[in-house]
């Protein structure tokens, strides 16, 4: 085995962590893969002879690549916030194998991922690297081209925004699923009062159809009326339960084809965030093959 093969093996040991960093930074599964691949190309050109801590080096390199990608989006007026939700990680609702459970345990909650997209690129980098991956501010500072105290301030501002905007979902998957099923039952029955009991008063619904700017609706009463009205107008829907970034969700497969993917963030037994993707191209790319066949 030559030196390049050994280097590739060392890199592969770090790939899961690097992919996690990139996904939290970019909110895109395909772009995350691109960022990690670019990190490998840079490492293969550099070699590891002069690198004291390969894990730290790769983490900051991926962070720098992602920061450049985010800034490029902004300069081209392609920031994803107004137009699309981040890519979800979708798994079968009964994903109970050790490998699947380990993967889900490392997945960032979808509601938090949405909040991360609202941060400025440098804030996002400082928060993700320090708060999620314990990278010291002294190593973050050169990436954001600021001093260590300034990098600390970036992370602090991001932390406040995350705390204000995100909610920690209930940890019990079974309880999450019961809440989602109760929501669906009330919607199918057109029972606005029952729906209101299942919805957090500050509920936020975010709808990405792939054509129009991201639609955001606030307020439990308004969303309950819309949900009940939809089911009265269009009749029953057929849904398949799934996990979306580890949280309860479902895929609408009425008519035999996926029409939408819904993710619910359940807090205190009520729906706090409701994220809906109806973009056909994204559904095909993101859903398990057995749901898109």
C-alpha atoms as a PDB file:
ATOM      1  CA  UNK A   1       0.000   0.000   0.000  1.00  0.00           C
ATOM      2  CA  UNK A   2       1.484   3.366  -1.038  1.00  0.00           C
ATOM      3  CA  UNK A   3       1.384   6.664   0.848  1.00  0.00           C
ATOM      4  CA  UNK A   4      -1.642   7.957  -1.057  1.00  0.00           C
ATOM      5  CA  UNK A   5      -3.667   4.868  -0.147  1.00  0.00           C
ATOM      6  CA  UNK A   6      -2.724   5.282   3.505  1.00  0.00           C
ATOM      7  CA  UNK A   7      -3.718   8.942   3.367  1.00  0.00           C
ATOM      8  CA  UNK A   8      -7.055   8.024   1.796  1.00  0.00           C
ATOM      9  CA  UNK A   9      -7.718   5.528   4.581  1.00  0.00           C
ATOM     10  CA  UNK A  10      -6.955   8.136   7.215  1.00  0.00           C
ATOM     11  CA  UNK A  11      -9.280  10.587   5.489  1.00  0.00           C
ATOM     12  CA  UNK A  12     -12.144   8.079   5.323  1.00  0.00           C
ATOM     13  CA  UNK A  13     -12.032   7.670   9.103  1.00  0.00           C
ATOM     14  CA  UNK A  14     -12.882  11.366   9.380  1.00  0.00           C
ATOM     15  CA  UNK A  15     -15.503  11.482   6.614  1.00  0.00           C
ATOM     16  CA  UNK A  16     -18.605  11.059   8.862  1.00  0.00           C
ATOM     17  CA  UNK A  17     -17.576  13.982  11.077  1.00  0.00           C
ATOM     18  CA  UNK A  18     -16.702  16.149   8.093  1.00  0.00           C
ATOM     19  CA  UNK A  19     -20.033  15.383   6.434  1.00  0.00           C
ATOM     20  CA  UNK A  20     -21.820  16.332   9.659  1.00  0.00           C
ATOM     21  CA  UNK A  21     -19.991  19.668   9.755  1.00  0.00           C
ATOM     22  CA  UNK A  22     -20.788  20.403   6.117  1.00  0.00           C
ATOM     23  CA  UNK A  23     -24.462  19.434   6.430  1.00  0.00           C
ATOM     24  CA  UNK A  24     -24.974  21.747   9.385  1.00  0.00           C
ATOM     25  CA  UNK A  25     -23.241  24.543   7.514  1.00  0.00           C
ATOM     26  CA  UNK A  26     -24.909  24.127   4.129  1.00  0.00           C
ATOM     27  CA  UNK A  27     -28.235  22.386   4.744  1.00  0.00           C
ATOM     28  CA  UNK A  28     -27.718  20.545   1.453  1.00  0.00           C
ATOM     29  CA  UNK A  29     -26.818  16.868   1.221  1.00  0.00           C
ATOM     30  CA  UNK A  30     -25.278  17.119  -2.252  1.00  0.00           C
ATOM     31  CA  UNK A  31     -23.289  20.274  -1.459  1.00  0.00           C
ATOM     32  CA  UNK A  32     -22.066  18.659   1.747  1.00  0.00           C
ATOM     33  CA  UNK A  33     -20.636  15.795  -0.283  1.00  0.00           C
ATOM     34  CA  UNK A  34     -18.998  18.304  -2.627  1.00  0.00           C
ATOM     35  CA  UNK A  35     -17.406  20.162   0.303  1.00  0.00           C
ATOM     36  CA  UNK A  36     -16.005  16.963   1.802  1.00  0.00           C
ATOM     37  CA  UNK A  37     -14.652  15.869  -1.568  1.00  0.00           C
ATOM     38  CA  UNK A  38     -12.935  19.233  -1.987  1.00  0.00           C
ATOM     39  CA  UNK A  39     -11.347  18.755   1.449  1.00  0.00           C
ATOM     40  CA  UNK A  40      -9.957  15.426   0.262  1.00  0.00           C
ATOM     41  CA  UNK A  41      -8.516  17.026  -2.875  1.00  0.00           C
ATOM     42  CA  UNK A  42      -6.779  19.664  -0.778  1.00  0.00           C
ATOM     43  CA  UNK A  43      -5.403  17.047   1.579  1.00  0.00           C
ATOM     44  CA  UNK A  44      -4.176  14.859  -1.279  1.00  0.00           C
ATOM     45  CA  UNK A  45      -2.281  17.828  -2.714  1.00  0.00           C
ATOM     46  CA  UNK A  46      -0.879  18.878   0.661  1.00  0.00           C
ATOM     47  CA  UNK A  47      -0.107  15.519   2.241  1.00  0.00           C
ATOM     48  CA  UNK A  48      -0.143  14.994   6.000  1.00  0.00           C
ATOM     49  CA  UNK A  49       3.575  15.242   6.758  1.00  0.00           C
ATOM     50  CA  UNK A  50       3.256  18.802   8.073  1.00  0.00           C
ATOM     51  CA  UNK A  51      -0.150  18.339   9.775  1.00  0.00           C
ATOM     52  CA  UNK A  52       0.029  17.766  13.524  1.00  0.00           C
ATOM     53  CA  UNK A  53      -3.696  17.131  14.110  1.00  0.00           C
ATOM     54  CA  UNK A  54      -5.405  15.796  10.993  1.00  0.00           C
ATOM     55  CA  UNK A  55      -8.931  15.847  12.497  1.00  0.00           C
ATOM     56  CA  UNK A  56      -8.639  19.524  13.450  1.00  0.00           C
ATOM     57  CA  UNK A  57      -7.034  20.432  10.120  1.00  0.00           C
ATOM     58  CA  UNK A  58      -9.774  18.733   8.112  1.00  0.00           C
ATOM     59  CA  UNK A  59     -12.552  20.225  10.224  1.00  0.00           C
ATOM     60  CA  UNK A  60     -11.329  23.770   9.713  1.00  0.00           C
ATOM     61  CA  UNK A  61     -10.683  23.141   6.003  1.00  0.00           C
ATOM     62  CA  UNK A  62     -14.262  21.903   5.532  1.00  0.00           C
ATOM     63  CA  UNK A  63     -15.493  24.899   7.512  1.00  0.00           C
ATOM     64  CA  UNK A  64     -13.549  27.267   5.244  1.00  0.00           C
ATOM     65  CA  UNK A  65     -14.883  25.544   2.105  1.00  0.00           C
ATOM     66  CA  UNK A  66     -18.455  25.766   3.374  1.00  0.00           C
ATOM     67  CA  UNK A  67     -18.003  29.419   4.325  1.00  0.00           C
ATOM     68  CA  UNK A  68     -16.815  30.171   0.801  1.00  0.00           C
ATOM     69  CA  UNK A  69     -19.810  28.316  -0.642  1.00  0.00           C
ATOM     70  CA  UNK A  70     -22.241  30.275   1.551  1.00  0.00           C
ATOM     71  CA  UNK A  71     -20.639  33.582   0.607  1.00  0.00           C
ATOM     72  CA  UNK A  72     -20.792  32.615  -3.049  1.00  0.00           C
ATOM     73  CA  UNK A  73     -24.519  31.933  -2.706  1.00  0.00           C
ATOM     74  CA  UNK A  74     -25.029  35.370  -1.182  1.00  0.00           C
ATOM     75  CA  UNK A  75     -22.980  37.147  -3.840  1.00  0.00           C
ATOM     76  CA  UNK A  76     -25.069  35.460  -6.548  1.00  0.00           C
ATOM     77  CA  UNK A  77     -28.257  36.271  -4.620  1.00  0.00           C
ATOM     78  CA  UNK A  78     -28.887  32.552  -4.169  1.00  0.00           C
ATOM     79  CA  UNK A  79     -29.141  32.401  -0.406  1.00  0.00           C
ATOM     80  CA  UNK A  80     -31.595  29.543   0.288  1.00  0.00           C
ATOM     81  CA  UNK A  81     -33.534  31.218   3.089  1.00  0.00           C
ATOM     82  CA  UNK A  82     -36.285  32.917   1.036  1.00  0.00           C
ATOM     83  CA  UNK A  83     -36.736  30.089  -1.437  1.00  0.00           C
ATOM     84  CA  UNK A  84     -36.271  26.650   0.037  1.00  0.00           C
ATOM     85  CA  UNK A  85     -36.085  24.521   3.137  1.00  0.00           C
ATOM     86  CA  UNK A  86     -32.876  22.633   3.913  1.00  0.00           C
ATOM     87  CA  UNK A  87     -32.527  19.044   2.756  1.00  0.00           C
ATOM     88  CA  UNK A  88     -34.043  16.636   5.288  1.00  0.00           C
ATOM     89  CA  UNK A  89     -32.579  13.253   6.185  1.00  0.00           C
ATOM     90  CA  UNK A  90     -35.460  10.800   5.705  1.00  0.00           C
ATOM     91  CA  UNK A  91     -35.522   7.285   7.154  1.00  0.00           C
ATOM     92  CA  UNK A  92     -38.211   4.625   7.656  1.00  0.00           C
ATOM     93  CA  UNK A  93     -40.247   5.154  10.816  1.00  0.00           C
ATOM     94  CA  UNK A  94     -39.160   1.723  12.067  1.00  0.00           C
ATOM     95  CA  UNK A  95     -35.423   2.352  11.596  1.00  0.00           C
ATOM     96  CA  UNK A  96     -34.243   0.302  14.545  1.00  0.00           C
ATOM     97  CA  UNK A  97     -30.952  -1.218  13.347  1.00  0.00           C
ATOM     98  CA  UNK A  98     -27.789  -0.188  15.218  1.00  0.00           C
ATOM     99  CA  UNK A  99     -26.293   1.513  12.166  1.00  0.00           C
ATOM    100  CA  UNK A 100     -29.472   3.459  11.435  1.00  0.00           C
ATOM    101  CA  UNK A 101     -29.883   4.450  15.074  1.00  0.00           C
ATOM    102  CA  UNK A 102     -26.302   5.707  15.203  1.00  0.00           C
ATOM    103  CA  UNK A 103     -26.840   7.739  12.046  1.00  0.00           C
ATOM    104  CA  UNK A 104     -30.077   9.247  13.366  1.00  0.00           C
ATOM    105  CA  UNK A 105     -28.472  10.077  16.710  1.00  0.00           C
ATOM    106  CA  UNK A 106     -25.895  12.176  14.866  1.00  0.00           C
ATOM    107  CA  UNK A 107     -28.513  14.019  12.795  1.00  0.00           C
ATOM    108  CA  UNK A 108     -29.245  17.623  13.660  1.00  0.00           C
ATOM    109  CA  UNK A 109     -32.906  18.383  14.354  1.00  0.00           C
ATOM    110  CA  UNK A 110     -34.715  19.802  11.355  1.00  0.00           C
ATOM    111  CA  UNK A 111     -36.078  22.857  13.169  1.00  0.00           C
ATOM    112  CA  UNK A 112     -32.547  23.733  14.304  1.00  0.00           C
ATOM    113  CA  UNK A 113     -31.247  23.282  10.769  1.00  0.00           C
ATOM    114  CA  UNK A 114     -33.816  25.809   9.534  1.00  0.00           C
ATOM    115  CA  UNK A 115     -32.634  28.303  12.163  1.00  0.00           C
ATOM    116  CA  UNK A 116     -28.992  27.770  11.171  1.00  0.00           C
ATOM    117  CA  UNK A 117     -29.892  28.829   7.625  1.00  0.00           C
ATOM    118  CA  UNK A 118     -31.038  32.183   8.981  1.00  0.00           C
ATOM    119  CA  UNK A 119     -27.620  33.002  10.420  1.00  0.00           C
ATOM    120  CA  UNK A 120     -25.028  35.024   8.570  1.00  0.00           C
ATOM    121  CA  UNK A 121     -22.309  32.756   7.107  1.00  0.00           C
ATOM    122  CA  UNK A 122     -19.600  33.745   9.618  1.00  0.00           C
ATOM    123  CA  UNK A 123     -22.016  33.378  12.549  1.00  0.00           C
ATOM    124  CA  UNK A 124     -23.062  29.976  11.327  1.00  0.00           C
ATOM    125  CA  UNK A 125     -19.461  28.837  11.012  1.00  0.00           C
ATOM    126  CA  UNK A 126     -18.496  30.043  14.488  1.00  0.00           C
ATOM    127  CA  UNK A 127     -21.549  28.452  16.080  1.00  0.00           C
ATOM    128  CA  UNK A 128     -21.336  25.136  14.240  1.00  0.00           C
ATOM    129  CA  UNK A 129     -17.613  24.629  14.729  1.00  0.00           C
ATOM    130  CA  UNK A 130     -17.473  25.745  18.363  1.00  0.00           C
ATOM    131  CA  UNK A 131     -20.829  24.787  19.867  1.00  0.00           C
ATOM    132  CA  UNK A 132     -21.411  21.594  17.895  1.00  0.00           C
ATOM    133  CA  UNK A 133     -17.893  20.330  17.276  1.00  0.00           C
ATOM    134  CA  UNK A 134     -15.845  21.931  20.091  1.00  0.00           C
ATOM    135  CA  UNK A 135     -13.357  23.667  17.805  1.00  0.00           C
ATOM    136  CA  UNK A 136     -11.457  26.352  19.803  1.00  0.00           C
ATOM    137  CA  UNK A 137     -12.031  29.972  18.814  1.00  0.00           C
ATOM    138  CA  UNK A 138      -8.294  30.321  18.196  1.00  0.00           C
ATOM    139  CA  UNK A 139      -8.719  27.885  15.286  1.00  0.00           C
ATOM    140  CA  UNK A 140     -11.971  29.443  14.073  1.00  0.00           C
ATOM    141  CA  UNK A 141     -10.584  32.997  14.004  1.00  0.00           C
ATOM    142  CA  UNK A 142      -8.325  32.578  10.915  1.00  0.00           C
ATOM    143  CA  UNK A 143     -11.189  30.976   8.974  1.00  0.00           C
ATOM    144  CA  UNK A 144     -13.517  33.951   9.519  1.00  0.00           C
ATOM    145  CA  UNK A 145     -10.572  36.380   9.249  1.00  0.00           C
ATOM    146  CA  UNK A 146     -11.166  37.879  12.679  1.00  0.00           C
ATOM    147  CA  UNK A 147      -9.603  37.783  16.123  1.00  0.00           C
ATOM    148  CA  UNK A 148     -10.464  35.010  18.571  1.00  0.00           C
ATOM    149  CA  UNK A 149     -12.576  37.403  20.720  1.00  0.00           C
ATOM    150  CA  UNK A 150     -14.460  38.504  17.599  1.00  0.00           C
ATOM    151  CA  UNK A 151     -15.071  34.876  16.644  1.00  0.00           C
ATOM    152  CA  UNK A 152     -16.385  34.291  20.158  1.00  0.00           C
ATOM    153  CA  UNK A 153     -18.801  37.186  19.667  1.00  0.00           C
ATOM    154  CA  UNK A 154     -20.017  35.704  16.386  1.00  0.00           C
ATOM    155  CA  UNK A 155     -20.818  32.426  18.123  1.00  0.00           C
ATOM    156  CA  UNK A 156     -22.485  34.266  21.011  1.00  0.00           C
ATOM    157  CA  UNK A 157     -24.806  36.183  18.671  1.00  0.00           C
ATOM    158  CA  UNK A 158     -25.632  32.996  16.810  1.00  0.00           C
ATOM    159  CA  UNK A 159     -26.297  31.174  20.081  1.00  0.00           C
ATOM    160  CA  UNK A 160     -28.794  33.827  21.159  1.00  0.00           C
ATOM    161  CA  UNK A 161     -30.631  33.631  17.847  1.00  0.00           C
ATOM    162  CA  UNK A 162     -30.737  29.842  17.995  1.00  0.00           C
ATOM    163  CA  UNK A 163     -32.080  29.944  21.548  1.00  0.00           C
ATOM    164  CA  UNK A 164     -34.747  32.483  20.612  1.00  0.00           C
ATOM    165  CA  UNK A 165     -35.857  30.749  17.422  1.00  0.00           C
ATOM    166  CA  UNK A 166     -35.525  26.997  17.941  1.00  0.00           C
ATOM    167  CA  UNK A 167     -37.293  24.586  20.251  1.00  0.00           C
ATOM    168  CA  UNK A 168     -35.954  21.310  21.621  1.00  0.00           C
ATOM    169  CA  UNK A 169     -38.257  18.517  20.395  1.00  0.00           C
ATOM    170  CA  UNK A 170     -39.728  15.980  22.787  1.00  0.00           C
ATOM    171  CA  UNK A 171     -37.186  13.129  23.046  1.00  0.00           C
ATOM    172  CA  UNK A 172     -39.574  10.139  22.940  1.00  0.00           C
ATOM    173  CA  UNK A 173     -40.135   9.032  19.307  1.00  0.00           C
ATOM    174  CA  UNK A 174     -43.282   7.096  20.290  1.00  0.00           C
ATOM    175  CA  UNK A 175     -44.795  10.197  21.915  1.00  0.00           C
ATOM    176  CA  UNK A 176     -43.884  12.246  18.845  1.00  0.00           C
ATOM    177  CA  UNK A 177     -45.622   9.709  16.635  1.00  0.00           C
ATOM    178  CA  UNK A 178     -48.763   9.717  18.775  1.00  0.00           C
ATOM    179  CA  UNK A 179     -48.934  13.508  18.544  1.00  0.00           C
ATOM    180  CA  UNK A 180     -48.579  13.416  14.747  1.00  0.00           C
ATOM    181  CA  UNK A 181     -51.252  10.715  14.436  1.00  0.00           C
ATOM    182  CA  UNK A 182     -53.617  12.723  16.621  1.00  0.00           C
ATOM    183  CA  UNK A 183     -53.000  15.756  14.420  1.00  0.00           C
ATOM    184  CA  UNK A 184     -53.763  13.769  11.267  1.00  0.00           C
ATOM    185  CA  UNK A 185     -56.895  12.228  12.778  1.00  0.00           C
ATOM    186  CA  UNK A 186     -58.238  15.661  13.745  1.00  0.00           C
ATOM    187  CA  UNK A 187     -57.432  17.066  10.286  1.00  0.00           C
ATOM    188  CA  UNK A 188     -59.122  14.138   8.542  1.00  0.00           C
ATOM    189  CA  UNK A 189     -62.213  14.699  10.635  1.00  0.00           C
ATOM    190  CA  UNK A 190     -62.228  18.413   9.945  1.00  0.00           C
ATOM    191  CA  UNK A 191     -62.240  18.963  13.705  1.00  0.00           C
ATOM    192  CA  UNK A 192     -60.786  22.445  14.167  1.00  0.00           C
ATOM    193  CA  UNK A 193     -61.224  22.347  17.940  1.00  0.00           C
ATOM    194  CA  UNK A 194     -59.335  19.067  18.252  1.00  0.00           C
ATOM    195  CA  UNK A 195     -56.636  20.422  15.943  1.00  0.00           C
ATOM    196  CA  UNK A 196     -56.207  23.480  18.129  1.00  0.00           C
ATOM    197  CA  UNK A 197     -55.557  21.228  21.127  1.00  0.00           C
ATOM    198  CA  UNK A 198     -52.699  19.561  19.213  1.00  0.00           C
ATOM    199  CA  UNK A 199     -51.030  22.779  18.025  1.00  0.00           C
ATOM    200  CA  UNK A 200     -48.704  25.120  19.888  1.00  0.00           C
ATOM    201  CA  UNK A 201     -50.182  28.648  19.903  1.00  0.00           C
ATOM    202  CA  UNK A 202     -46.958  29.921  18.294  1.00  0.00           C
ATOM    203  CA  UNK A 203     -46.969  27.254  15.594  1.00  0.00           C
ATOM    204  CA  UNK A 204     -45.016  28.085  12.433  1.00  0.00           C
ATOM    205  CA  UNK A 205     -45.719  26.310   9.146  1.00  0.00           C
ATOM    206  CA  UNK A 206     -43.094  26.525   6.392  1.00  0.00           C
ATOM    207  CA  UNK A 207     -44.017  25.322   2.904  1.00  0.00           C
ATOM    208  CA  UNK A 208     -41.481  24.767   0.097  1.00  0.00           C
ATOM    209  CA  UNK A 209     -43.062  23.920  -3.270  1.00  0.00           C
ATOM    210  CA  UNK A 210     -39.905  24.467  -5.330  1.00  0.00           C
ATOM    211  CA  UNK A 211     -41.565  27.159  -7.474  1.00  0.00           C
ATOM    212  CA  UNK A 212     -42.558  30.030  -5.218  1.00  0.00           C
ATOM    213  CA  UNK A 213     -40.612  31.724  -2.416  1.00  0.00           C
ATOM    214  CA  UNK A 214     -40.786  29.843   0.860  1.00  0.00           C
ATOM    215  CA  UNK A 215     -44.230  30.363   2.361  1.00  0.00           C
ATOM    216  CA  UNK A 216     -44.355  30.862   6.138  1.00  0.00           C
ATOM    217  CA  UNK A 217     -47.651  30.852   8.067  1.00  0.00           C
ATOM    218  CA  UNK A 218     -47.861  31.736  11.763  1.00  0.00           C
ATOM    219  CA  UNK A 219     -50.496  30.931  14.353  1.00  0.00           C
ATOM    220  CA  UNK A 220     -52.296  27.761  15.416  1.00  0.00           C
ATOM    221  CA  UNK A 221     -55.807  29.025  14.638  1.00  0.00           C
ATOM    222  CA  UNK A 222     -55.015  29.929  11.037  1.00  0.00           C
ATOM    223  CA  UNK A 223     -53.171  26.686  10.355  1.00  0.00           C
ATOM    224  CA  UNK A 224     -55.884  24.580  12.011  1.00  0.00           C
ATOM    225  CA  UNK A 225     -58.536  26.142   9.743  1.00  0.00           C
ATOM    226  CA  UNK A 226     -56.393  25.504   6.679  1.00  0.00           C
ATOM    227  CA  UNK A 227     -55.687  21.866   7.638  1.00  0.00           C
ATOM    228  CA  UNK A 228     -59.344  21.097   8.357  1.00  0.00           C
ATOM    229  CA  UNK A 229     -60.476  22.879   5.195  1.00  0.00           C
ATOM    230  CA  UNK A 230     -57.982  20.992   3.043  1.00  0.00           C
ATOM    231  CA  UNK A 231     -59.209  17.598   4.174  1.00  0.00           C
ATOM    232  CA  UNK A 232     -62.861  18.586   3.791  1.00  0.00           C
ATOM    233  CA  UNK A 233     -62.195  19.829   0.246  1.00  0.00           C
ATOM    234  CA  UNK A 234     -59.938  17.066  -1.027  1.00  0.00           C
ATOM    235  CA  UNK A 235     -60.939  14.080   1.068  1.00  0.00           C
ATOM    236  CA  UNK A 236     -58.735  11.573   2.872  1.00  0.00           C
ATOM    237  CA  UNK A 237     -55.058  11.235   2.140  1.00  0.00           C
ATOM    238  CA  UNK A 238     -52.851   8.172   2.385  1.00  0.00           C
ATOM    239  CA  UNK A 239     -49.708   8.713   4.433  1.00  0.00           C
ATOM    240  CA  UNK A 240     -46.602   6.683   5.236  1.00  0.00           C
ATOM    241  CA  UNK A 241     -44.870   7.460   8.555  1.00  0.00           C
ATOM    242  CA  UNK A 242     -41.169   8.329   8.339  1.00  0.00           C
ATOM    243  CA  UNK A 243     -38.442   9.881  10.444  1.00  0.00           C
ATOM    244  CA  UNK A 244     -37.240  13.296   9.308  1.00  0.00           C
ATOM    245  CA  UNK A 245     -33.900  14.125  10.927  1.00  0.00           C
ATOM    246  CA  UNK A 246     -34.883  11.767  13.710  1.00  0.00           C
ATOM    247  CA  UNK A 247     -38.316  13.343  14.312  1.00  0.00           C
ATOM    248  CA  UNK A 248     -41.789  12.101  13.421  1.00  0.00           C
ATOM    249  CA  UNK A 249     -43.010  12.929   9.949  1.00  0.00           C
ATOM    250  CA  UNK A 250     -44.974  11.464   7.099  1.00  0.00           C
ATOM    251  CA  UNK A 251     -45.069  11.223   3.316  1.00  0.00           C
ATOM    252  CA  UNK A 252     -48.361  11.801   1.511  1.00  0.00           C
ATOM    253  CA  UNK A 253     -48.581   8.999  -1.075  1.00  0.00           C
ATOM    254  CA  UNK A 254     -52.180   9.545  -2.142  1.00  0.00           C
ATOM    255  CA  UNK A 255     -52.594   8.134  -5.638  1.00  0.00           C
ATOM    256  CA  UNK A 256     -49.534   5.916  -5.314  1.00  0.00           C
ATOM    257  CA  UNK A 257     -46.907   8.659  -5.731  1.00  0.00           C
ATOM    258  CA  UNK A 258     -45.306  10.924  -3.121  1.00  0.00           C
ATOM    259  CA  UNK A 259     -46.978  14.325  -3.089  1.00  0.00           C
ATOM    260  CA  UNK A 260     -45.460  15.882   0.018  1.00  0.00           C
ATOM    261  CA  UNK A 261     -43.061  15.321   2.889  1.00  0.00           C
ATOM    262  CA  UNK A 262     -44.004  16.700   6.296  1.00  0.00           C
ATOM    263  CA  UNK A 263     -41.793  17.091   9.346  1.00  0.00           C
ATOM    264  CA  UNK A 264     -43.288  17.936  12.735  1.00  0.00           C
ATOM    265  CA  UNK A 265     -41.330  19.308  15.662  1.00  0.00           C
ATOM    266  CA  UNK A 266     -43.254  18.197  18.754  1.00  0.00           C
ATOM    267  CA  UNK A 267     -42.691  20.244  21.910  1.00  0.00           C
ATOM    268  CA  UNK A 268     -44.678  19.488  25.052  1.00  0.00           C
ATOM    269  CA  UNK A 269     -46.908  17.101  23.124  1.00  0.00           C
ATOM    270  CA  UNK A 270     -47.934  19.789  20.602  1.00  0.00           C
ATOM    271  CA  UNK A 271     -46.814  20.626  17.082  1.00  0.00           C
ATOM    272  CA  UNK A 272     -44.433  23.611  17.306  1.00  0.00           C
ATOM    273  CA  UNK A 273     -43.008  23.607  13.777  1.00  0.00           C
ATOM    274  CA  UNK A 274     -44.564  22.080  10.668  1.00  0.00           C
ATOM    275  CA  UNK A 275     -42.272  21.895   7.629  1.00  0.00           C
ATOM    276  CA  UNK A 276     -43.731  20.796   4.304  1.00  0.00           C
ATOM    277  CA  UNK A 277     -41.914  20.020   1.046  1.00  0.00           C
ATOM    278  CA  UNK A 278     -44.013  19.500  -2.089  1.00  0.00           C
ATOM    279  CA  UNK A 279     -41.328  20.038  -4.747  1.00  0.00           C
ATOM    280  CA  UNK A 280     -41.547  16.864  -6.918  1.00  0.00           C
ATOM    281  CA  UNK A 281     -37.872  16.919  -7.921  1.00  0.00           C
ATOM    282  CA  UNK A 282     -36.671  17.226  -4.346  1.00  0.00           C
ATOM    283  CA  UNK A 283     -39.036  14.489  -3.166  1.00  0.00           C
ATOM    284  CA  UNK A 284     -37.582  12.126  -5.754  1.00  0.00           C
ATOM    285  CA  UNK A 285     -34.043  12.970  -4.681  1.00  0.00           C
ATOM    286  CA  UNK A 286     -34.615  12.889  -0.926  1.00  0.00           C
ATOM    287  CA  UNK A 287     -37.057  10.062  -0.262  1.00  0.00           C
ATOM    288  CA  UNK A 288     -36.131   6.382   0.109  1.00  0.00           C
ATOM    289  CA  UNK A 289     -36.407   4.476  -3.156  1.00  0.00           C
ATOM    290  CA  UNK A 290     -39.396   2.398  -2.030  1.00  0.00           C
ATOM    291  CA  UNK A 291     -41.456   5.585  -1.674  1.00  0.00           C
ATOM    292  CA  UNK A 292     -40.605   7.021  -5.100  1.00  0.00           C
ATOM    293  CA  UNK A 293     -40.886   3.879  -7.221  1.00  0.00           C
END
